[in-house]
């Protein structure tokens, strides 16, 4: 079903240098583009190929998922099943004394198919065959892959009623000092109207984003994590919502709202729980944090709503709250540039500009900065 592929990220700090208090507060990686591999019908779901290890490494959570190599065997089974169905149908219709009504025959074939699907002897080819006999009959005609493609397509009426627009905003350079990137309006958005939706990835234990120092493993001699020496947090933490009294984090993963910055004086948007049951399961709000330990799909979502008229080109901002602002203000006041920040030279600039000379050890290494070593 793969119909799109992705490019590599670009690296750009949008003018925020290592002497700036905002350095490290946002990701310099951006603009990971997607392009089509073939013409895509309107309403189609987009699929990329993560590689076979993506499913293999998640079998304990997702079960036994079919791989590309599973489909030839599954197709072979479907052809055998089709011959069996046709043979039984022919025998039934040819025996006037034992003529079986079509509905009964259909029910019997459906029951047989259910028994096959519920077999305790699971395999990837078994998981690749259709989930129901009605879909299996379509697969007899067009093949398994085509039926999966057809099931992934939504009608335009469905999208009109249930889809959510994502192109009201786009990432761009923020006008807020130290912020880096922001979320920029692409069109006029009227007060009290929808800006964007933010499906939320749930992380029940924020400590998984901690970074620790290394120590030597006494048994192997290698380097392992030292849980007694935390050194910081993964950058994803800066893009998540949480509460100081809870370990749960909710992290937007749409393409636009993670860039929405803070403005306590004149924000032009707010975020609220979505009221659309397709994106937001309101019953989850009553569950304890432990409930999410084994929840591997999204079920909560914010919607961003304009609280004033927003013009094209305006940056979308919300109020993060006084506690966040107090901590950020203190960070700016106490900021000290890291050692070597003035002479720092970005390795990405060397990667992206092959015409830049790379000095040897006998030459002046300050041409590219003390933070870069040249090796042969």
Protein backbone atom coordinates (compact mmCIF):
# COMPACT_ATOMS: atom_id res chain seq x y z
CA UNK A 1 0.00 0.00 0.00
CA UNK A 2 3.03 2.30 0.15
CA UNK A 3 2.16 5.40 -1.87
CA UNK A 4 4.45 8.11 -0.46
CA UNK A 5 8.10 8.44 0.55
CA UNK A 6 9.86 10.95 2.76
CA UNK A 7 12.94 13.12 2.35
CA UNK A 8 15.57 13.79 5.00
CA UNK A 9 15.08 16.57 7.53
CA UNK A 10 16.71 19.91 6.97
CA UNK A 11 18.76 21.55 9.72
CA UNK A 12 18.22 25.24 10.48
CA UNK A 13 18.27 27.09 13.81
CA UNK A 14 16.51 30.11 12.21
CA UNK A 15 19.13 32.51 13.51
CA UNK A 16 19.19 31.26 17.12
CA UNK A 17 22.89 30.79 17.89
CA UNK A 18 24.57 28.97 20.77
CA UNK A 19 24.87 32.27 22.61
CA UNK A 20 21.08 32.67 22.64
CA UNK A 21 18.94 31.56 25.63
CA UNK A 22 16.60 29.79 23.23
CA UNK A 23 19.25 27.45 21.84
CA UNK A 24 18.32 23.83 22.54
CA UNK A 25 14.74 24.73 23.44
CA UNK A 26 13.43 23.71 20.01
CA UNK A 27 14.48 21.26 17.34
CA UNK A 28 16.61 22.62 14.48
CA UNK A 29 15.44 19.70 12.32
CA UNK A 30 12.47 20.57 10.14
CA UNK A 31 10.90 20.40 6.70
CA UNK A 32 10.77 16.63 6.35
CA UNK A 33 8.88 16.54 3.07
CA UNK A 34 6.69 13.80 1.65
CA UNK A 35 6.27 13.06 -2.06
CA UNK A 36 3.97 10.71 -3.94
CA UNK A 37 5.19 7.50 -5.55
CA UNK A 38 2.15 7.32 -7.84
CA UNK A 39 -1.13 9.10 -8.45
CA UNK A 40 -3.24 8.98 -5.26
CA UNK A 41 -7.02 8.93 -5.33
CA UNK A 42 -8.80 11.59 -3.27
CA UNK A 43 -9.71 10.21 0.13
CA UNK A 44 -6.84 7.71 0.18
CA UNK A 45 -4.83 7.11 3.33
CA UNK A 46 -1.12 7.84 2.99
CA UNK A 47 1.34 5.03 3.72
CA UNK A 48 5.13 4.95 4.03
CA UNK A 49 7.36 1.92 4.50
CA UNK A 50 9.03 1.86 7.94
CA UNK A 51 10.74 -1.42 7.08
CA UNK A 52 10.00 -4.95 8.40
CA UNK A 53 11.74 -4.38 11.72
CA UNK A 54 9.08 -1.84 12.69
CA UNK A 55 6.47 -4.59 13.03
CA UNK A 56 8.90 -7.26 14.21
CA UNK A 57 10.12 -5.13 17.12
CA UNK A 58 6.55 -4.35 18.23
CA UNK A 59 5.05 -7.82 18.10
CA UNK A 60 4.46 -7.90 21.87
CA UNK A 61 2.28 -4.78 21.54
CA UNK A 62 0.71 -5.09 18.08
CA UNK A 63 0.56 -8.84 17.62
CA UNK A 64 1.76 -10.75 14.59
CA UNK A 65 1.45 -8.31 11.69
CA UNK A 66 1.84 -9.41 8.05
CA UNK A 67 4.99 -8.43 6.17
CA UNK A 68 5.45 -8.03 2.42
CA UNK A 69 6.79 -11.59 2.32
CA UNK A 70 3.51 -12.82 3.87
CA UNK A 71 1.28 -11.94 0.93
CA UNK A 72 2.37 -14.52 -1.69
CA UNK A 73 1.50 -17.34 0.72
CA UNK A 74 -1.74 -15.61 1.72
CA UNK A 75 -2.70 -15.17 -1.95
CA UNK A 76 -1.97 -18.83 -2.61
CA UNK A 77 -4.30 -19.79 0.24
CA UNK A 78 -7.03 -17.49 -1.09
CA UNK A 79 -6.88 -19.15 -4.51
CA UNK A 80 -7.29 -22.57 -2.88
CA UNK A 81 -10.20 -21.28 -0.82
CA UNK A 82 -11.80 -19.80 -3.92
CA UNK A 83 -11.63 -23.16 -5.70
CA UNK A 84 -13.21 -24.84 -2.66
CA UNK A 85 -16.04 -22.30 -2.53
CA UNK A 86 -16.71 -22.65 -6.26
CA UNK A 87 -16.68 -26.44 -6.05
CA UNK A 88 -19.12 -26.56 -3.12
CA UNK A 89 -21.38 -24.05 -4.88
CA UNK A 90 -21.35 -26.10 -8.09
CA UNK A 91 -22.13 -29.36 -6.26
CA UNK A 92 -24.95 -27.68 -4.33
CA UNK A 93 -26.55 -26.24 -7.43
CA UNK A 94 -26.20 -29.47 -9.41
CA UNK A 95 -27.87 -31.69 -6.83
CA UNK A 96 -31.63 -31.03 -7.13
CA UNK A 97 -32.39 -33.30 -4.18
CA UNK A 98 -30.02 -31.48 -1.87
CA UNK A 99 -30.21 -27.95 -3.20
CA UNK A 100 -28.94 -25.56 -0.51
CA UNK A 101 -30.38 -22.04 -0.46
CA UNK A 102 -27.84 -19.38 -1.39
CA UNK A 103 -28.18 -17.64 1.95
CA UNK A 104 -27.45 -20.86 3.85
CA UNK A 105 -24.43 -21.63 1.68
CA UNK A 106 -23.17 -18.10 2.18
CA UNK A 107 -23.58 -18.45 5.93
CA UNK A 108 -21.76 -21.78 5.97
CA UNK A 109 -18.84 -20.34 3.98
CA UNK A 110 -18.72 -17.34 6.30
CA UNK A 111 -18.64 -19.63 9.35
CA UNK A 112 -15.84 -21.67 7.79
CA UNK A 113 -13.87 -18.52 7.07
CA UNK A 114 -14.31 -17.33 10.66
CA UNK A 115 -12.98 -20.66 11.95
CA UNK A 116 -9.91 -20.25 9.74
CA UNK A 117 -9.30 -16.67 10.90
CA UNK A 118 -9.67 -17.66 14.57
CA UNK A 119 -7.20 -20.52 14.31
CA UNK A 120 -4.98 -20.72 17.42
CA UNK A 121 -2.01 -21.39 15.12
CA UNK A 122 -1.21 -17.82 14.14
CA UNK A 123 1.05 -16.92 11.25
CA UNK A 124 1.81 -13.77 9.29
CA UNK A 125 0.19 -15.12 6.08
CA UNK A 126 -2.94 -15.93 8.11
CA UNK A 127 -3.01 -12.35 9.37
CA UNK A 128 -2.69 -11.11 5.77
CA UNK A 129 -5.93 -12.69 4.52
CA UNK A 130 -9.11 -10.55 4.74
CA UNK A 131 -10.87 -10.21 8.07
CA UNK A 132 -14.32 -11.27 6.81
CA UNK A 133 -15.79 -13.54 4.15
CA UNK A 134 -17.51 -10.63 2.42
CA UNK A 135 -14.13 -8.98 1.85
CA UNK A 136 -12.62 -12.35 0.94
CA UNK A 137 -15.11 -12.68 -1.94
CA UNK A 138 -13.91 -9.32 -3.26
CA UNK A 139 -10.31 -10.55 -2.87
CA UNK A 140 -11.19 -13.55 -5.06
CA UNK A 141 -11.79 -11.03 -7.84
CA UNK A 142 -9.09 -8.39 -7.36
CA UNK A 143 -6.55 -9.78 -4.89
CA UNK A 144 -5.80 -9.09 -1.23
CA UNK A 145 -3.75 -5.92 -1.74
CA UNK A 146 -6.47 -4.27 -3.82
CA UNK A 147 -9.11 -4.95 -1.17
CA UNK A 148 -6.82 -3.41 1.48
CA UNK A 149 -6.38 -0.37 -0.74
CA UNK A 150 -10.13 -0.03 -1.26
CA UNK A 151 -10.79 -0.26 2.48
CA UNK A 152 -8.28 2.52 3.18
CA UNK A 153 -10.11 5.06 0.98
CA UNK A 154 -12.65 7.42 2.54
CA UNK A 155 -15.38 9.08 0.51
CA UNK A 156 -15.28 12.83 0.02
CA UNK A 157 -18.59 13.07 1.90
CA UNK A 158 -16.97 11.29 4.85
CA UNK A 159 -14.02 13.69 4.81
CA UNK A 160 -16.35 16.67 4.55
CA UNK A 161 -18.24 15.54 7.65
CA UNK A 162 -15.43 14.05 9.74
CA UNK A 163 -12.14 15.40 8.41
CA UNK A 164 -10.18 18.20 10.09
CA UNK A 165 -8.35 20.90 8.14
CA UNK A 166 -4.61 21.04 8.86
CA UNK A 167 -3.53 23.78 6.47
CA UNK A 168 -4.86 26.78 8.40
CA UNK A 169 -1.36 27.01 9.86
CA UNK A 170 2.20 26.25 8.77
CA UNK A 171 5.60 26.30 10.49
CA UNK A 172 7.63 29.49 10.04
CA UNK A 173 10.13 31.75 11.76
CA UNK A 174 8.72 33.12 14.99
CA UNK A 175 8.64 36.85 15.73
CA UNK A 176 9.09 36.08 19.45
CA UNK A 177 12.68 36.47 20.74
CA UNK A 178 14.49 33.17 21.42
CA UNK A 179 11.50 31.09 20.23
CA UNK A 180 12.92 29.86 16.92
CA UNK A 181 9.97 28.57 14.93
CA UNK A 182 6.31 29.39 15.31
CA UNK A 183 2.94 28.47 13.84
CA UNK A 184 1.86 30.93 11.13
CA UNK A 185 -1.70 31.44 9.84
CA UNK A 186 -2.12 30.75 6.13
CA UNK A 187 -5.55 32.38 5.83
CA UNK A 188 -7.97 34.59 7.72
CA UNK A 189 -9.37 32.82 10.80
CA UNK A 190 -12.40 34.44 12.41
CA UNK A 191 -12.72 34.81 16.18
CA UNK A 192 -14.24 31.73 17.89
CA UNK A 193 -13.56 29.54 14.87
CA UNK A 194 -11.44 26.44 14.42
CA UNK A 195 -7.67 26.82 13.94
CA UNK A 196 -6.36 23.25 14.01
CA UNK A 197 -6.64 19.89 15.72
CA UNK A 198 -3.88 18.31 17.79
CA UNK A 199 -4.11 14.52 18.30
CA UNK A 200 -2.17 13.68 21.47
CA UNK A 201 0.37 10.94 22.00
CA UNK A 202 0.19 9.80 25.63
CA UNK A 203 3.36 9.09 27.63
CA UNK A 204 2.34 7.77 31.08
CA UNK A 205 5.81 8.08 32.63
CA UNK A 206 7.66 11.28 31.80
CA UNK A 207 10.86 9.79 33.23
CA UNK A 208 11.32 7.87 29.96
CA UNK A 209 12.44 11.22 28.51
CA UNK A 210 15.23 11.62 31.08
CA UNK A 211 18.85 11.56 29.88
CA UNK A 212 21.48 9.99 32.13
CA UNK A 213 25.26 9.89 32.38
CA UNK A 214 27.07 6.70 31.40
CA UNK A 215 28.97 4.32 33.62
CA UNK A 216 31.06 1.24 32.97
CA UNK A 217 29.31 -2.13 33.09
CA UNK A 218 31.29 -4.34 35.47
CA UNK A 219 30.36 -7.50 33.58
CA UNK A 220 30.91 -6.46 29.97
CA UNK A 221 33.18 -3.44 30.34
CA UNK A 222 30.90 -1.44 28.07
CA UNK A 223 29.05 1.80 28.72
CA UNK A 224 25.58 1.63 30.27
CA UNK A 225 23.14 4.21 31.62
CA UNK A 226 23.65 5.38 35.21
CA UNK A 227 20.10 6.01 36.56
CA UNK A 228 21.53 7.77 39.61
CA UNK A 229 22.96 10.59 37.48
CA UNK A 230 20.31 12.34 35.34
CA UNK A 231 21.83 15.01 33.09
CA UNK A 232 18.81 16.44 31.31
CA UNK A 233 15.75 15.62 29.23
CA UNK A 234 15.04 14.64 25.66
CA UNK A 235 13.91 17.57 23.52
CA UNK A 236 10.45 16.03 23.00
CA UNK A 237 9.59 17.17 26.54
CA UNK A 238 9.48 20.80 25.33
CA UNK A 239 6.66 19.93 22.93
CA UNK A 240 4.43 18.13 25.48
CA UNK A 241 1.72 19.15 27.93
CA UNK A 242 1.88 17.97 31.52
CA UNK A 243 1.19 18.80 35.15
CA UNK A 244 3.78 18.99 37.91
CA UNK A 245 1.71 16.59 40.05
CA UNK A 246 1.37 13.94 37.36
CA UNK A 247 3.77 11.71 35.43
CA UNK A 248 1.52 11.77 32.33
CA UNK A 249 2.58 13.74 29.26
CA UNK A 250 0.35 14.54 26.27
CA UNK A 251 2.34 15.35 23.15
CA UNK A 252 0.76 16.77 19.96
CA UNK A 253 1.97 15.03 16.82
CA UNK A 254 0.22 17.00 14.07
CA UNK A 255 2.36 19.09 11.69
CA UNK A 256 1.40 22.57 12.95
CA UNK A 257 0.36 23.00 16.58
CA UNK A 258 3.66 21.86 18.17
CA UNK A 259 5.07 25.18 16.93
CA UNK A 260 2.47 27.30 18.78
CA UNK A 261 4.38 29.61 21.16
CA UNK A 262 3.56 31.37 24.41
CA UNK A 263 2.11 34.87 24.73
CA UNK A 264 0.53 35.89 28.04
CA UNK A 265 -0.24 39.50 27.05
CA UNK A 266 -2.15 39.09 23.80
CA UNK A 267 -2.65 35.45 22.77
CA UNK A 268 -4.91 34.96 19.76
CA UNK A 269 -5.87 31.31 20.38
CA UNK A 270 -6.68 28.81 23.08
CA UNK A 271 -6.81 25.01 23.18
CA UNK A 272 -9.73 22.93 24.42
CA UNK A 273 -10.61 19.25 24.44
CA UNK A 274 -12.00 18.20 21.07
CA UNK A 275 -15.69 17.27 21.04
CA UNK A 276 -15.29 14.96 18.03
CA UNK A 277 -15.49 11.30 19.18
CA UNK A 278 -13.46 10.20 16.16
CA UNK A 279 -10.40 11.96 17.58
CA UNK A 280 -11.20 12.29 21.26
CA UNK A 281 -12.41 9.60 23.67
CA UNK A 282 -13.79 11.68 26.53
CA UNK A 283 -14.11 8.62 28.81
CA UNK A 284 -10.30 8.48 28.97
CA UNK A 285 -10.33 11.70 31.00
CA UNK A 286 -11.76 9.73 33.94
CA UNK A 287 -9.08 7.02 33.82
CA UNK A 288 -6.05 6.88 36.15
CA UNK A 289 -2.58 7.40 34.69
CA UNK A 290 -1.87 3.67 35.05
CA UNK A 291 -4.60 3.02 32.46
CA UNK A 292 -2.28 4.38 29.76
CA UNK A 293 0.56 1.96 30.56
CA UNK A 294 -0.79 -0.45 27.96
CA UNK A 295 -2.55 1.96 25.61
CA UNK A 296 -0.60 2.07 22.35
CA UNK A 297 -2.89 4.27 20.26
CA UNK A 298 -4.08 7.83 20.47
CA UNK A 299 -7.50 8.67 21.84
CA UNK A 300 -7.25 12.23 23.13
CA UNK A 301 -7.09 15.47 21.16
CA UNK A 302 -7.01 19.23 21.60
CA UNK A 303 -8.58 21.71 19.25
CA UNK A 304 -7.12 25.19 18.88
CA UNK A 305 -9.75 27.93 18.71
CA UNK A 306 -9.21 31.58 17.73
CA UNK A 307 -10.02 34.04 20.55
CA UNK A 308 -9.55 37.01 18.21
CA UNK A 309 -9.55 37.53 14.46
CA UNK A 310 -6.32 36.17 12.96
CA UNK A 311 -4.96 37.53 9.70
CA UNK A 312 -2.85 35.61 7.17
CA UNK A 313 0.79 35.75 8.30
CA UNK A 314 -0.07 36.24 11.99
CA UNK A 315 1.70 33.96 14.43
CA UNK A 316 -0.60 31.71 16.47
CA UNK A 317 0.03 32.04 20.21
CA UNK A 318 -1.57 30.75 23.40
CA UNK A 319 -1.00 31.46 27.08
CA UNK A 320 1.08 28.65 28.62
CA UNK A 321 0.28 29.96 32.11
CA UNK A 322 2.14 31.96 34.79
CA UNK A 323 4.26 29.05 36.08
CA UNK A 324 5.76 28.40 32.66
CA UNK A 325 6.41 32.10 32.10
CA UNK A 326 8.11 32.46 35.49
CA UNK A 327 10.47 29.56 34.78
CA UNK A 328 11.26 30.81 31.26
CA UNK A 329 11.93 34.35 32.48
CA UNK A 330 14.28 33.00 35.15
CA UNK A 331 16.06 30.90 32.52
CA UNK A 332 16.69 33.98 30.37
CA UNK A 333 17.93 36.03 33.33
CA UNK A 334 20.36 33.34 34.46
CA UNK A 335 21.47 32.29 31.00
CA UNK A 336 25.20 31.87 30.38
CA UNK A 337 26.54 30.82 27.00
CA UNK A 338 28.23 27.42 26.97
CA UNK A 339 32.00 27.29 26.59
CA UNK A 340 33.09 27.78 23.00
CA UNK A 341 29.73 29.20 21.90
CA UNK A 342 31.31 32.22 20.20
CA UNK A 343 33.53 30.09 17.98
CA UNK A 344 31.02 27.29 17.40
CA UNK A 345 30.77 26.11 13.81
CA UNK A 346 27.82 24.01 12.73
CA UNK A 347 28.75 20.56 11.34
CA UNK A 348 25.56 20.70 9.29
CA UNK A 349 26.97 23.64 7.35
CA UNK A 350 29.90 21.49 6.31
CA UNK A 351 27.56 18.66 5.34
CA UNK A 352 25.36 20.92 3.23
CA UNK A 353 28.18 22.93 1.60
CA UNK A 354 30.84 20.57 0.20
CA UNK A 355 32.77 23.54 -1.21
CA UNK A 356 33.86 24.61 2.29
CA UNK A 357 37.50 23.60 2.91
CA UNK A 358 38.14 21.17 5.76
CA UNK A 359 41.64 21.80 7.19
CA UNK A 360 44.07 19.00 8.02
CA UNK A 361 45.71 18.63 11.43
CA UNK A 362 48.71 20.64 10.18
CA UNK A 363 46.51 23.56 9.13
CA UNK A 364 44.61 26.17 11.12
CA UNK A 365 41.68 24.29 12.69
CA UNK A 366 40.04 27.56 13.77
CA UNK A 367 38.83 27.92 10.19
CA UNK A 368 35.93 25.63 11.07
CA UNK A 369 35.76 26.02 14.84
CA UNK A 370 37.26 24.19 17.78
CA UNK A 371 34.17 22.02 18.18
CA UNK A 372 34.93 20.05 15.00
CA UNK A 373 37.70 17.48 14.55
CA UNK A 374 38.96 16.47 11.12
CA UNK A 375 39.95 12.82 10.70
CA UNK A 376 41.40 10.85 7.82
